[in-house]
C-alpha cells in the first residue's frame, strides 16, 4: 500500500464530514485539481483506505426513543454463527458487532 500523505489526509477529513461533497469543492478546499482529487480518492478506495460511504439516519425521526449497546455473553464462542439469525428476528436489534472474542457479541438496540 502506498503511503498516505498530508493531502490524502486532508481529503479524508473533508469527505468524512460529507461523503456527498462534489470533488470540485474538495479540490477548491485543497488547492488542487478535480482530477487530482478523483485519482487520489480512487487510489484510496483501491487500497482499502476508504471502505465505503453512506448516510447517517436520525433514529428519533424514525420513531426510536431509546438506543443502547448491550453486551451478550455466549456459553461458547462457536455459538456466534447460531445466534446471529436469532438476533435478526428481533426488530429492535439493528446492529450486531463482535469483539475480538466471538464469545461476546455487542448488540445495538433501538426501542420505539
PDB file of N, CA and C in Angstrom:
ATOM      1  N   UNK A   1       0.846  -1.187   0.000  1.00  0.00           N
ATOM      2  CA  UNK A   1       0.000   0.000   0.000  1.00  0.00           C
ATOM      3  C   UNK A   1       0.885   1.242   0.000  1.00  0.00           C
ATOM      4  N   UNK A   2       0.468   2.207  -0.754  1.00  0.00           N
ATOM      5  CA  UNK A   2       1.208   3.454  -0.818  1.00  0.00           C
ATOM      6  C   UNK A   2       0.994   4.252   0.461  1.00  0.00           C
ATOM      7  N   UNK A   3       1.933   5.121   0.732  1.00  0.00           N
ATOM      8  CA  UNK A   3       1.866   5.953   1.928  1.00  0.00           C
ATOM      9  C   UNK A   3       0.770   7.013   1.777  1.00  0.00           C
ATOM     10  N   UNK A   4       0.074   7.266   2.866  1.00  0.00           N
ATOM     11  CA  UNK A   4      -0.947   8.316   2.903  1.00  0.00           C
ATOM     12  C   UNK A   4      -0.246   9.619   3.270  1.00  0.00           C
ATOM     13  N   UNK A   5      -0.328  10.611   2.410  1.00  0.00           N
ATOM     14  CA  UNK A   5       0.358  11.868   2.681  1.00  0.00           C
ATOM     15  C   UNK A   5      -0.604  12.923   3.246  1.00  0.00           C
ATOM     16  N   UNK A   6      -0.072  14.125   3.405  1.00  0.00           N
ATOM     17  CA  UNK A   6      -0.848  15.217   4.007  1.00  0.00           C
ATOM     18  C   UNK A   6      -2.101  15.552   3.184  1.00  0.00           C
ATOM     19  N   UNK A   7      -1.972  15.567   1.863  1.00  0.00           N
ATOM     20  CA  UNK A   7      -3.126  15.861   1.015  1.00  0.00           C
ATOM     21  C   UNK A   7      -4.188  14.768   1.130  1.00  0.00           C
ATOM     22  N   UNK A   8      -3.759  13.508   1.145  1.00  0.00           N
ATOM     23  CA  UNK A   8      -4.713  12.413   1.330  1.00  0.00           C
ATOM     24  C   UNK A   8      -5.476  12.587   2.639  1.00  0.00           C
ATOM     25  N   UNK A   9      -4.764  12.921   3.689  1.00  0.00           N
ATOM     26  CA  UNK A   9      -5.416  13.112   4.997  1.00  0.00           C
ATOM     27  C   UNK A   9      -6.397  14.283   4.963  1.00  0.00           C
ATOM     28  N   UNK A  10      -6.030  15.334   4.243  1.00  0.00           N
ATOM     29  CA  UNK A  10      -6.925  16.486   4.109  1.00  0.00           C
ATOM     30  C   UNK A  10      -8.192  16.083   3.349  1.00  0.00           C
ATOM     31  N   UNK A  11      -8.019  15.319   2.295  1.00  0.00           N
ATOM     32  CA  UNK A  11      -9.164  14.831   1.520  1.00  0.00           C
ATOM     33  C   UNK A  11     -10.051  13.961   2.403  1.00  0.00           C
ATOM     34  N   UNK A  12      -9.444  13.043   3.136  1.00  0.00           N
ATOM     35  CA  UNK A  12     -10.213  12.151   4.017  1.00  0.00           C
ATOM     36  C   UNK A  12     -10.990  12.930   5.065  1.00  0.00           C
ATOM     37  N   UNK A  13     -10.387  13.965   5.611  1.00  0.00           N
ATOM     38  CA  UNK A  13     -11.070  14.790   6.616  1.00  0.00           C
ATOM     39  C   UNK A  13     -12.306  15.450   6.001  1.00  0.00           C
ATOM     40  N   UNK A  14     -12.172  15.964   4.804  1.00  0.00           N
ATOM     41  CA  UNK A  14     -13.287  16.655   4.144  1.00  0.00           C
ATOM     42  C   UNK A  14     -14.399  15.673   3.786  1.00  0.00           C
ATOM     43  N   UNK A  15     -14.064  14.572   3.144  1.00  0.00           N
ATOM     44  CA  UNK A  15     -15.112  13.657   2.710  1.00  0.00           C
ATOM     45  C   UNK A  15     -15.692  12.845   3.867  1.00  0.00           C
ATOM     46  N   UNK A  16     -14.970  12.771   4.976  1.00  0.00           N
ATOM     47  CA  UNK A  16     -15.528  12.108   6.162  1.00  0.00           C
ATOM     48  C   UNK A  16     -16.656  12.935   6.771  1.00  0.00           C
ATOM     49  N   UNK A  17     -16.579  14.234   6.602  1.00  0.00           N
ATOM     50  CA  UNK A  17     -17.618  15.126   7.110  1.00  0.00           C
ATOM     51  C   UNK A  17     -18.845  15.137   6.209  1.00  0.00           C
ATOM     52  N   UNK A  18     -18.621  14.937   4.899  1.00  0.00           N
ATOM     53  CA  UNK A  18     -19.722  14.967   3.943  1.00  0.00           C
ATOM     54  C   UNK A  18     -19.349  14.092   2.747  1.00  0.00           C
ATOM     55  N   UNK A  19     -19.828  12.850   2.744  1.00  0.00           N
ATOM     56  CA  UNK A  19     -19.480  11.908   1.679  1.00  0.00           C
ATOM     57  C   UNK A  19     -20.053  12.318   0.327  1.00  0.00           C
ATOM     58  N   UNK A  20     -21.016  13.221   0.313  1.00  0.00           N
ATOM     59  CA  UNK A  20     -21.654  13.638  -0.947  1.00  0.00           C
ATOM     60  C   UNK A  20     -21.067  14.922  -1.512  1.00  0.00           C
ATOM     61  N   UNK A  21     -20.034  15.451  -0.875  1.00  0.00           N
ATOM     62  CA  UNK A  21     -19.458  16.708  -1.344  1.00  0.00           C
ATOM     63  C   UNK A  21     -18.865  16.512  -2.740  1.00  0.00           C
ATOM     64  N   UNK A  22     -19.136  17.427  -3.659  1.00  0.00           N
ATOM     65  CA  UNK A  22     -18.569  17.297  -5.006  1.00  0.00           C
ATOM     66  C   UNK A  22     -17.037  17.399  -4.965  1.00  0.00           C
ATOM     67  N   UNK A  23     -16.380  16.626  -5.828  1.00  0.00           N
ATOM     68  CA  UNK A  23     -14.920  16.675  -5.888  1.00  0.00           C
ATOM     69  C   UNK A  23     -14.432  18.087  -6.212  1.00  0.00           C
ATOM     70  N   UNK A  24     -15.227  18.843  -6.954  1.00  0.00           N
ATOM     71  CA  UNK A  24     -14.867  20.237  -7.262  1.00  0.00           C
ATOM     72  C   UNK A  24     -14.665  21.030  -5.974  1.00  0.00           C
ATOM     73  N   UNK A  25     -15.577  20.851  -5.002  1.00  0.00           N
ATOM     74  CA  UNK A  25     -15.476  21.572  -3.735  1.00  0.00           C
ATOM     75  C   UNK A  25     -14.283  21.083  -2.915  1.00  0.00           C
ATOM     76  N   UNK A  26     -14.038  19.768  -2.952  1.00  0.00           N
ATOM     77  CA  UNK A  26     -12.869  19.222  -2.248  1.00  0.00           C
ATOM     78  C   UNK A  26     -11.601  19.797  -2.868  1.00  0.00           C
ATOM     79  N   UNK A  27     -11.560  19.833  -4.190  1.00  0.00           N
ATOM     80  CA  UNK A  27     -10.395  20.370  -4.898  1.00  0.00           C
ATOM     81  C   UNK A  27     -10.161  21.833  -4.534  1.00  0.00           C
ATOM     82  N   UNK A  28     -11.238  22.617  -4.475  1.00  0.00           N
ATOM     83  CA  UNK A  28     -11.113  24.033  -4.111  1.00  0.00           C
ATOM     84  C   UNK A  28     -10.541  24.183  -2.707  1.00  0.00           C
ATOM     85  N   UNK A  29     -11.020  23.377  -1.766  1.00  0.00           N
ATOM     86  CA  UNK A  29     -10.545  23.459  -0.385  1.00  0.00           C
ATOM     87  C   UNK A  29      -9.085  23.015  -0.256  1.00  0.00           C
ATOM     88  N   UNK A  30      -8.686  22.074  -1.110  1.00  0.00           N
ATOM     89  CA  UNK A  30      -7.322  21.543  -1.038  1.00  0.00           C
ATOM     90  C   UNK A  30      -6.335  22.289  -1.938  1.00  0.00           C
ATOM     91  N   UNK A  31      -6.865  23.095  -2.840  1.00  0.00           N
ATOM     92  CA  UNK A  31      -5.995  23.848  -3.733  1.00  0.00           C
ATOM     93  C   UNK A  31      -5.367  23.003  -4.837  1.00  0.00           C
ATOM     94  N   UNK A  32      -6.097  21.985  -5.281  1.00  0.00           N
ATOM     95  CA  UNK A  32      -5.614  21.121  -6.375  1.00  0.00           C
ATOM     96  C   UNK A  32      -6.743  20.938  -7.381  1.00  0.00           C
ATOM     97  N   UNK A  33      -6.477  20.200  -8.443  1.00  0.00           N
ATOM     98  CA  UNK A  33      -7.489  19.983  -9.478  1.00  0.00           C
ATOM     99  C   UNK A  33      -8.490  18.898  -9.072  1.00  0.00           C
ATOM    100  N   UNK A  34      -9.647  18.914  -9.742  1.00  0.00           N
ATOM    101  CA  UNK A  34     -10.645  17.857  -9.522  1.00  0.00           C
ATOM    102  C   UNK A  34     -10.076  16.501  -9.901  1.00  0.00           C
ATOM    103  N   UNK A  35      -9.297  16.468 -10.961  1.00  0.00           N
ATOM    104  CA  UNK A  35      -8.698  15.200 -11.405  1.00  0.00           C
ATOM    105  C   UNK A  35      -7.785  14.623 -10.323  1.00  0.00           C
ATOM    106  N   UNK A  36      -7.036  15.491  -9.661  1.00  0.00           N
ATOM    107  CA  UNK A  36      -6.151  15.019  -8.589  1.00  0.00           C
ATOM    108  C   UNK A  36      -6.966  14.412  -7.444  1.00  0.00           C
ATOM    109  N   UNK A  37      -8.082  15.045  -7.105  1.00  0.00           N
ATOM    110  CA  UNK A  37      -8.940  14.523  -6.037  1.00  0.00           C
ATOM    111  C   UNK A  37      -9.512  13.178  -6.468  1.00  0.00           C
ATOM    112  N   UNK A  38     -10.033  13.115  -7.682  1.00  0.00           N
ATOM    113  CA  UNK A  38     -10.610  11.870  -8.195  1.00  0.00           C
ATOM    114  C   UNK A  38      -9.582  10.741  -8.163  1.00  0.00           C
ATOM    115  N   UNK A  39      -8.378  11.002  -8.654  1.00  0.00           N
ATOM    116  CA  UNK A  39      -7.331   9.974  -8.696  1.00  0.00           C
ATOM    117  C   UNK A  39      -6.954   9.513  -7.291  1.00  0.00           C
ATOM    118  N   UNK A  40      -6.817  10.447  -6.375  1.00  0.00           N
ATOM    119  CA  UNK A  40      -6.420  10.085  -5.016  1.00  0.00           C
ATOM    120  C   UNK A  40      -7.531   9.308  -4.299  1.00  0.00           C
ATOM    121  N   UNK A  41      -8.772   9.736  -4.457  1.00  0.00           N
ATOM    122  CA  UNK A  41      -9.880   9.002  -3.822  1.00  0.00           C
ATOM    123  C   UNK A  41      -9.966   7.600  -4.413  1.00  0.00           C
ATOM    124  N   UNK A  42      -9.852   7.487  -5.728  1.00  0.00           N
ATOM    125  CA  UNK A  42      -9.897   6.171  -6.371  1.00  0.00           C
ATOM    126  C   UNK A  42      -8.777   5.272  -5.848  1.00  0.00           C
ATOM    127  N   UNK A  43      -7.575   5.825  -5.712  1.00  0.00           N
ATOM    128  CA  UNK A  43      -6.444   5.045  -5.197  1.00  0.00           C
ATOM    129  C   UNK A  43      -6.711   4.593  -3.769  1.00  0.00           C
ATOM    130  N   UNK A  44      -7.293   5.480  -2.950  1.00  0.00           N
ATOM    131  CA  UNK A  44      -7.586   5.114  -1.558  1.00  0.00           C
ATOM    132  C   UNK A  44      -8.689   4.061  -1.474  1.00  0.00           C
ATOM    133  N   UNK A  45      -9.627   4.079  -2.420  1.00  0.00           N
ATOM    134  CA  UNK A  45     -10.654   3.028  -2.480  1.00  0.00           C
ATOM    135  C   UNK A  45      -9.989   1.709  -2.865  1.00  0.00           C
ATOM    136  N   UNK A  46      -9.172   1.731  -3.886  1.00  0.00           N
ATOM    137  CA  UNK A  46      -8.490   0.515  -4.349  1.00  0.00           C
ATOM    138  C   UNK A  46      -7.584  -0.082  -3.280  1.00  0.00           C
ATOM    139  N   UNK A  47      -6.990   0.775  -2.446  1.00  0.00           N
ATOM    140  CA  UNK A  47      -6.084   0.311  -1.382  1.00  0.00           C
ATOM    141  C   UNK A  47      -6.806   0.071  -0.054  1.00  0.00           C
ATOM    142  N   UNK A  48      -8.135   0.112  -0.086  1.00  0.00           N
ATOM    143  CA  UNK A  48      -8.960  -0.133   1.109  1.00  0.00           C
ATOM    144  C   UNK A  48      -8.720   0.865   2.239  1.00  0.00           C
ATOM    145  N   UNK A  49      -8.229   2.044   1.896  1.00  0.00           N
ATOM    146  CA  UNK A  49      -8.175   3.122   2.881  1.00  0.00           C
ATOM    147  C   UNK A  49      -9.593   3.626   3.088  1.00  0.00           C
ATOM    148  N   UNK A  50     -10.315   3.785   1.991  1.00  0.00           N
ATOM    149  CA  UNK A  50     -11.732   4.130   2.020  1.00  0.00           C
ATOM    150  C   UNK A  50     -12.492   2.844   1.733  1.00  0.00           C
ATOM    151  N   UNK A  51     -13.332   2.443   2.669  1.00  0.00           N
ATOM    152  CA  UNK A  51     -14.034   1.163   2.508  1.00  0.00           C
ATOM    153  C   UNK A  51     -15.525   1.328   2.275  1.00  0.00           C
ATOM    154  N   UNK A  52     -15.986   2.544   2.161  1.00  0.00           N
ATOM    155  CA  UNK A  52     -17.401   2.760   1.886  1.00  0.00           C
ATOM    156  C   UNK A  52     -17.798   4.182   2.222  1.00  0.00           C
ATOM    157  N   UNK A  53     -19.016   4.490   1.903  1.00  0.00           N
ATOM    158  CA  UNK A  53     -19.583   5.785   2.266  1.00  0.00           C
ATOM    159  C   UNK A  53     -21.064   5.559   2.494  1.00  0.00           C
ATOM    160  N   UNK A  54     -21.703   6.476   3.142  1.00  0.00           N
ATOM    161  CA  UNK A  54     -23.116   6.259   3.392  1.00  0.00           C
ATOM    162  C   UNK A  54     -23.775   7.455   4.045  1.00  0.00           C
ATOM    163  N   UNK A  55     -24.937   7.183   4.564  1.00  0.00           N
ATOM    164  CA  UNK A  55     -25.741   8.214   5.200  1.00  0.00           C
ATOM    165  C   UNK A  55     -25.913   7.876   6.672  1.00  0.00           C
ATOM    166  N   UNK A  56     -26.041   8.900   7.478  1.00  0.00           N
ATOM    167  CA  UNK A  56     -26.376   8.722   8.884  1.00  0.00           C
ATOM    168  C   UNK A  56     -27.863   9.003   9.027  1.00  0.00           C
ATOM    169  N   UNK A  57     -28.559   8.113   9.701  1.00  0.00           N
ATOM    170  CA  UNK A  57     -30.001   8.240   9.869  1.00  0.00           C
ATOM    171  C   UNK A  57     -30.285   8.640  11.308  1.00  0.00           C
ATOM    172  N   UNK A  58     -31.192   9.596  11.484  1.00  0.00           N
ATOM    173  CA  UNK A  58     -31.585  10.040  12.819  1.00  0.00           C
ATOM    174  C   UNK A  58     -32.631   9.068  13.361  1.00  0.00           C
ATOM    175  N   UNK A  59     -32.274   8.251  14.365  1.00  0.00           N
ATOM    176  CA  UNK A  59     -33.223   7.246  14.864  1.00  0.00           C
ATOM    177  C   UNK A  59     -34.476   7.852  15.495  1.00  0.00           C
ATOM    178  N   UNK A  60     -34.385   9.046  16.039  1.00  0.00           N
ATOM    179  CA  UNK A  60     -35.564   9.665  16.661  1.00  0.00           C
ATOM    180  C   UNK A  60     -36.637   9.976  15.622  1.00  0.00           C
ATOM    181  N   UNK A  61     -36.215  10.396  14.437  1.00  0.00           N
ATOM    182  CA  UNK A  61     -37.175  10.692  13.379  1.00  0.00           C
ATOM    183  C   UNK A  61     -37.873   9.410  12.922  1.00  0.00           C
ATOM    184  N   UNK A  62     -37.179   8.288  13.046  1.00  0.00           N
ATOM    185  CA  UNK A  62     -37.774   7.002  12.679  1.00  0.00           C
ATOM    186  C   UNK A  62     -38.643   6.428  13.794  1.00  0.00           C
ATOM    187  N   UNK A  63     -38.727   7.152  14.901  1.00  0.00           N
ATOM    188  CA  UNK A  63     -39.602   6.718  15.981  1.00  0.00           C
ATOM    189  C   UNK A  63     -38.916   5.963  17.107  1.00  0.00           C
ATOM    190  N   UNK A  64     -37.594   5.878  17.081  1.00  0.00           N
ATOM    191  CA  UNK A  64     -36.877   5.210  18.163  1.00  0.00           C
ATOM    192  C   UNK A  64     -36.603   6.214  19.275  1.00  0.00           C
ATOM    193  N   UNK A  65     -37.136   5.928  20.457  1.00  0.00           N
ATOM    194  CA  UNK A  65     -36.982   6.847  21.588  1.00  0.00           C
ATOM    195  C   UNK A  65     -35.729   6.543  22.406  1.00  0.00           C
ATOM    196  N   UNK A  66     -35.270   5.301  22.370  1.00  0.00           N
ATOM    197  CA  UNK A  66     -34.112   4.923  23.166  1.00  0.00           C
ATOM    198  C   UNK A  66     -33.201   4.018  22.344  1.00  0.00           C
ATOM    199  N   UNK A  67     -31.911   4.158  22.572  1.00  0.00           N
ATOM    200  CA  UNK A  67     -30.914   3.322  21.900  1.00  0.00           C
ATOM    201  C   UNK A  67     -29.867   2.921  22.926  1.00  0.00           C
ATOM    202  N   UNK A  68     -29.331   1.716  22.799  1.00  0.00           N
ATOM    203  CA  UNK A  68     -28.336   1.253  23.764  1.00  0.00           C
ATOM    204  C   UNK A  68     -27.494   0.135  23.177  1.00  0.00           C
ATOM    205  N   UNK A  69     -26.258   0.070  23.632  1.00  0.00           N
ATOM    206  CA  UNK A  69     -25.417  -1.085  23.351  1.00  0.00           C
ATOM    207  C   UNK A  69     -25.632  -2.091  24.466  1.00  0.00           C
ATOM    208  N   UNK A  70     -25.792  -3.338  24.103  1.00  0.00           N
ATOM    209  CA  UNK A  70     -25.999  -4.411  25.073  1.00  0.00           C
ATOM    210  C   UNK A  70     -24.967  -5.499  24.785  1.00  0.00           C
ATOM    211  N   UNK A  71     -24.237  -5.894  25.803  1.00  0.00           N
ATOM    212  CA  UNK A  71     -23.278  -6.980  25.662  1.00  0.00           C
ATOM    213  C   UNK A  71     -23.936  -8.305  25.983  1.00  0.00           C
ATOM    214  N   UNK A  72     -23.599  -9.323  25.236  1.00  0.00           N
ATOM    215  CA  UNK A  72     -24.148 -10.657  25.442  1.00  0.00           C
ATOM    216  C   UNK A  72     -22.970 -11.610  25.613  1.00  0.00           C
ATOM    217  N   UNK A  73     -23.067 -12.478  26.605  1.00  0.00           N
ATOM    218  CA  UNK A  73     -22.021 -13.477  26.805  1.00  0.00           C
ATOM    219  C   UNK A  73     -22.566 -14.838  26.384  1.00  0.00           C
ATOM    220  N   UNK A  74     -21.907 -15.451  25.407  1.00  0.00           N
ATOM    221  CA  UNK A  74     -22.307 -16.766  24.928  1.00  0.00           C
ATOM    222  C   UNK A  74     -21.586 -17.842  25.737  1.00  0.00           C
ATOM    223  N   UNK A  75     -22.225 -18.992  25.878  1.00  0.00           N
ATOM    224  CA  UNK A  75     -21.580 -20.090  26.591  1.00  0.00           C
ATOM    225  C   UNK A  75     -20.287 -20.518  25.907  1.00  0.00           C
ATOM    226  N   UNK A  76     -20.333 -20.559  24.559  1.00  0.00           N
ATOM    227  CA  UNK A  76     -19.163 -20.950  23.779  1.00  0.00           C
ATOM    228  C   UNK A  76     -19.012 -19.978  22.616  1.00  0.00           C
ATOM    229  N   UNK A  77     -17.778 -19.673  22.284  1.00  0.00           N
ATOM    230  CA  UNK A  77     -17.529 -18.783  21.160  1.00  0.00           C
ATOM    231  C   UNK A  77     -18.057 -19.333  19.848  1.00  0.00           C
ATOM    232  N   UNK A  78     -18.121 -20.648  19.725  1.00  0.00           N
ATOM    233  CA  UNK A  78     -18.595 -21.267  18.482  1.00  0.00           C
ATOM    234  C   UNK A  78     -20.089 -21.049  18.251  1.00  0.00           C
ATOM    235  N   UNK A  79     -20.799 -20.555  19.246  1.00  0.00           N
ATOM    236  CA  UNK A  79     -22.248 -20.337  19.122  1.00  0.00           C
ATOM    237  C   UNK A  79     -22.591 -19.104  18.291  1.00  0.00           C
ATOM    238  N   UNK A  80     -21.593 -18.260  17.990  1.00  0.00           N
ATOM    239  CA  UNK A  80     -21.902 -16.995  17.328  1.00  0.00           C
ATOM    240  C   UNK A  80     -22.617 -17.203  15.998  1.00  0.00           C
ATOM    241  N   UNK A  81     -22.303 -18.260  15.268  1.00  0.00           N
ATOM    242  CA  UNK A  81     -22.970 -18.495  13.978  1.00  0.00           C
ATOM    243  C   UNK A  81     -24.456 -18.800  14.165  1.00  0.00           C
ATOM    244  N   UNK A  82     -24.805 -19.387  15.284  1.00  0.00           N
ATOM    245  CA  UNK A  82     -26.197 -19.734  15.547  1.00  0.00           C
ATOM    246  C   UNK A  82     -27.007 -18.572  16.099  1.00  0.00           C
ATOM    247  N   UNK A  83     -26.361 -17.661  16.820  1.00  0.00           N
ATOM    248  CA  UNK A  83     -27.123 -16.586  17.457  1.00  0.00           C
ATOM    249  C   UNK A  83     -27.448 -15.436  16.508  1.00  0.00           C
ATOM    250  N   UNK A  84     -26.644 -15.250  15.475  1.00  0.00           N
ATOM    251  CA  UNK A  84     -26.907 -14.139  14.557  1.00  0.00           C
ATOM    252  C   UNK A  84     -28.297 -14.239  13.934  1.00  0.00           C
ATOM    253  N   UNK A  85     -28.726 -15.403  13.409  1.00  0.00           N
ATOM    254  CA  UNK A  85     -30.087 -15.482  12.860  1.00  0.00           C
ATOM    255  C   UNK A  85     -31.157 -15.207  13.920  1.00  0.00           C
ATOM    256  N   UNK A  86     -30.875 -15.561  15.162  1.00  0.00           N
ATOM    257  CA  UNK A  86     -31.843 -15.292  16.234  1.00  0.00           C
ATOM    258  C   UNK A  86     -31.915 -13.796  16.530  1.00  0.00           C
ATOM    259  N   UNK A  87     -30.773 -13.128  16.537  1.00  0.00           N
ATOM    260  CA  UNK A  87     -30.764 -11.668  16.748  1.00  0.00           C
ATOM    261  C   UNK A  87     -31.502 -10.963  15.609  1.00  0.00           C
ATOM    262  N   UNK A  88     -31.374 -11.481  14.385  1.00  0.00           N
ATOM    263  CA  UNK A  88     -32.030 -10.858  13.234  1.00  0.00           C
ATOM    264  C   UNK A  88     -33.545 -10.925  13.337  1.00  0.00           C
ATOM    265  N   UNK A  89     -34.078 -11.803  14.137  1.00  0.00           N
ATOM    266  CA  UNK A  89     -35.524 -11.922  14.327  1.00  0.00           C
ATOM    267  C   UNK A  89     -36.068 -10.854  15.267  1.00  0.00           C
ATOM    268  N   UNK A  90     -35.200 -10.185  15.992  1.00  0.00           N
ATOM    269  CA  UNK A  90     -35.611  -9.170  16.968  1.00  0.00           C
ATOM    270  C   UNK A  90     -35.558  -7.809  16.279  1.00  0.00           C
ATOM    271  N   UNK A  91     -36.694  -7.172  16.042  1.00  0.00           N
ATOM    272  CA  UNK A  91     -36.692  -5.920  15.266  1.00  0.00           C
ATOM    273  C   UNK A  91     -35.914  -4.789  15.933  1.00  0.00           C
ATOM    274  N   UNK A  92     -35.812  -4.805  17.248  1.00  0.00           N
ATOM    275  CA  UNK A  92     -35.083  -3.736  17.942  1.00  0.00           C
ATOM    276  C   UNK A  92     -33.570  -3.859  17.791  1.00  0.00           C
ATOM    277  N   UNK A  93     -33.084  -5.019  17.416  1.00  0.00           N
ATOM    278  CA  UNK A  93     -31.647  -5.197  17.199  1.00  0.00           C
ATOM    279  C   UNK A  93     -31.337  -4.722  15.783  1.00  0.00           C
ATOM    280  N   UNK A  94     -30.669  -3.598  15.695  1.00  0.00           N
ATOM    281  CA  UNK A  94     -30.380  -3.020  14.386  1.00  0.00           C
ATOM    282  C   UNK A  94     -28.937  -3.258  13.951  1.00  0.00           C
ATOM    283  N   UNK A  95     -28.058  -3.648  14.882  1.00  0.00           N
ATOM    284  CA  UNK A  95     -26.673  -3.961  14.554  1.00  0.00           C
ATOM    285  C   UNK A  95     -26.173  -5.025  15.517  1.00  0.00           C
ATOM    286  N   UNK A  96     -25.200  -5.811  15.055  1.00  0.00           N
ATOM    287  CA  UNK A  96     -24.535  -6.783  15.911  1.00  0.00           C
ATOM    288  C   UNK A  96     -23.051  -6.742  15.588  1.00  0.00           C
ATOM    289  N   UNK A  97     -22.234  -6.484  16.608  1.00  0.00           N
ATOM    290  CA  UNK A  97     -20.784  -6.408  16.434  1.00  0.00           C
ATOM    291  C   UNK A  97     -20.135  -7.433  17.347  1.00  0.00           C
ATOM    292  N   UNK A  98     -19.027  -7.972  16.908  1.00  0.00           N
ATOM    293  CA  UNK A  98     -18.283  -8.903  17.744  1.00  0.00           C
ATOM    294  C   UNK A  98     -16.982  -8.265  18.167  1.00  0.00           C
ATOM    295  N   UNK A  99     -16.643  -8.489  19.408  1.00  0.00           N
ATOM    296  CA  UNK A  99     -15.356  -8.031  19.916  1.00  0.00           C
ATOM    297  C   UNK A  99     -14.290  -8.987  19.403  1.00  0.00           C
ATOM    298  N   UNK A 100     -13.120  -8.851  19.886  1.00  0.00           N
ATOM    299  CA  UNK A 100     -12.026  -9.723  19.468  1.00  0.00           C
ATOM    300  C   UNK A 100     -12.378 -11.189  19.713  1.00  0.00           C
ATOM    301  N   UNK A 101     -13.148 -11.419  20.733  1.00  0.00           N
ATOM    302  CA  UNK A 101     -13.547 -12.773  21.085  1.00  0.00           C
ATOM    303  C   UNK A 101     -14.991 -12.982  20.665  1.00  0.00           C
ATOM    304  N   UNK A 102     -15.262 -13.938  19.828  1.00  0.00           N
ATOM    305  CA  UNK A 102     -16.606 -14.169  19.304  1.00  0.00           C
ATOM    306  C   UNK A 102     -17.592 -14.543  20.388  1.00  0.00           C
ATOM    307  N   UNK A 103     -17.102 -14.810  21.556  1.00  0.00           N
ATOM    308  CA  UNK A 103     -17.966 -15.211  22.661  1.00  0.00           C
ATOM    309  C   UNK A 103     -18.763 -14.023  23.216  1.00  0.00           C
ATOM    310  N   UNK A 104     -18.405 -12.809  22.823  1.00  0.00           N
ATOM    311  CA  UNK A 104     -19.024 -11.616  23.401  1.00  0.00           C
ATOM    312  C   UNK A 104     -19.582 -10.676  22.336  1.00  0.00           C
ATOM    313  N   UNK A 105     -20.729 -11.011  21.731  1.00  0.00           N
ATOM    314  CA  UNK A 105     -21.328 -10.068  20.775  1.00  0.00           C
ATOM    315  C   UNK A 105     -21.868  -8.830  21.490  1.00  0.00           C
ATOM    316  N   UNK A 106     -21.829  -7.721  20.801  1.00  0.00           N
ATOM    317  CA  UNK A 106     -22.388  -6.471  21.309  1.00  0.00           C
ATOM    318  C   UNK A 106     -23.515  -6.068  20.369  1.00  0.00           C
ATOM    319  N   UNK A 107     -24.694  -5.868  20.900  1.00  0.00           N
ATOM    320  CA  UNK A 107     -25.865  -5.521  20.096  1.00  0.00           C
ATOM    321  C   UNK A 107     -26.184  -4.041  20.232  1.00  0.00           C
ATOM    322  N   UNK A 108     -26.660  -3.445  19.153  1.00  0.00           N
ATOM    323  CA  UNK A 108     -27.173  -2.086  19.173  1.00  0.00           C
ATOM    324  C   UNK A 108     -28.682  -2.208  19.097  1.00  0.00           C
ATOM    325  N   UNK A 109     -29.353  -1.807  20.165  1.00  0.00           N
ATOM    326  CA  UNK A 109     -30.805  -1.906  20.249  1.00  0.00           C
ATOM    327  C   UNK A 109     -31.424  -0.529  20.114  1.00  0.00           C
ATOM    328  N   UNK A 110     -32.549  -0.472  19.423  1.00  0.00           N
ATOM    329  CA  UNK A 110     -33.313   0.767  19.334  1.00  0.00           C
ATOM    330  C   UNK A 110     -34.766   0.427  19.628  1.00  0.00           C
ATOM    331  N   UNK A 111     -35.335   1.147  20.556  1.00  0.00           N
ATOM    332  CA  UNK A 111     -36.689   0.872  21.015  1.00  0.00           C
ATOM    333  C   UNK A 111     -37.603   2.048  20.711  1.00  0.00           C
ATOM    334  N   UNK A 112     -38.730   1.760  20.022  1.00  0.00           N
ATOM    335  CA  UNK A 112     -39.701   2.838  19.749  1.00  0.00           C
ATOM    336  C   UNK A 112     -40.355   3.334  21.033  1.00  0.00           C
TER     337      UNK A 112
END
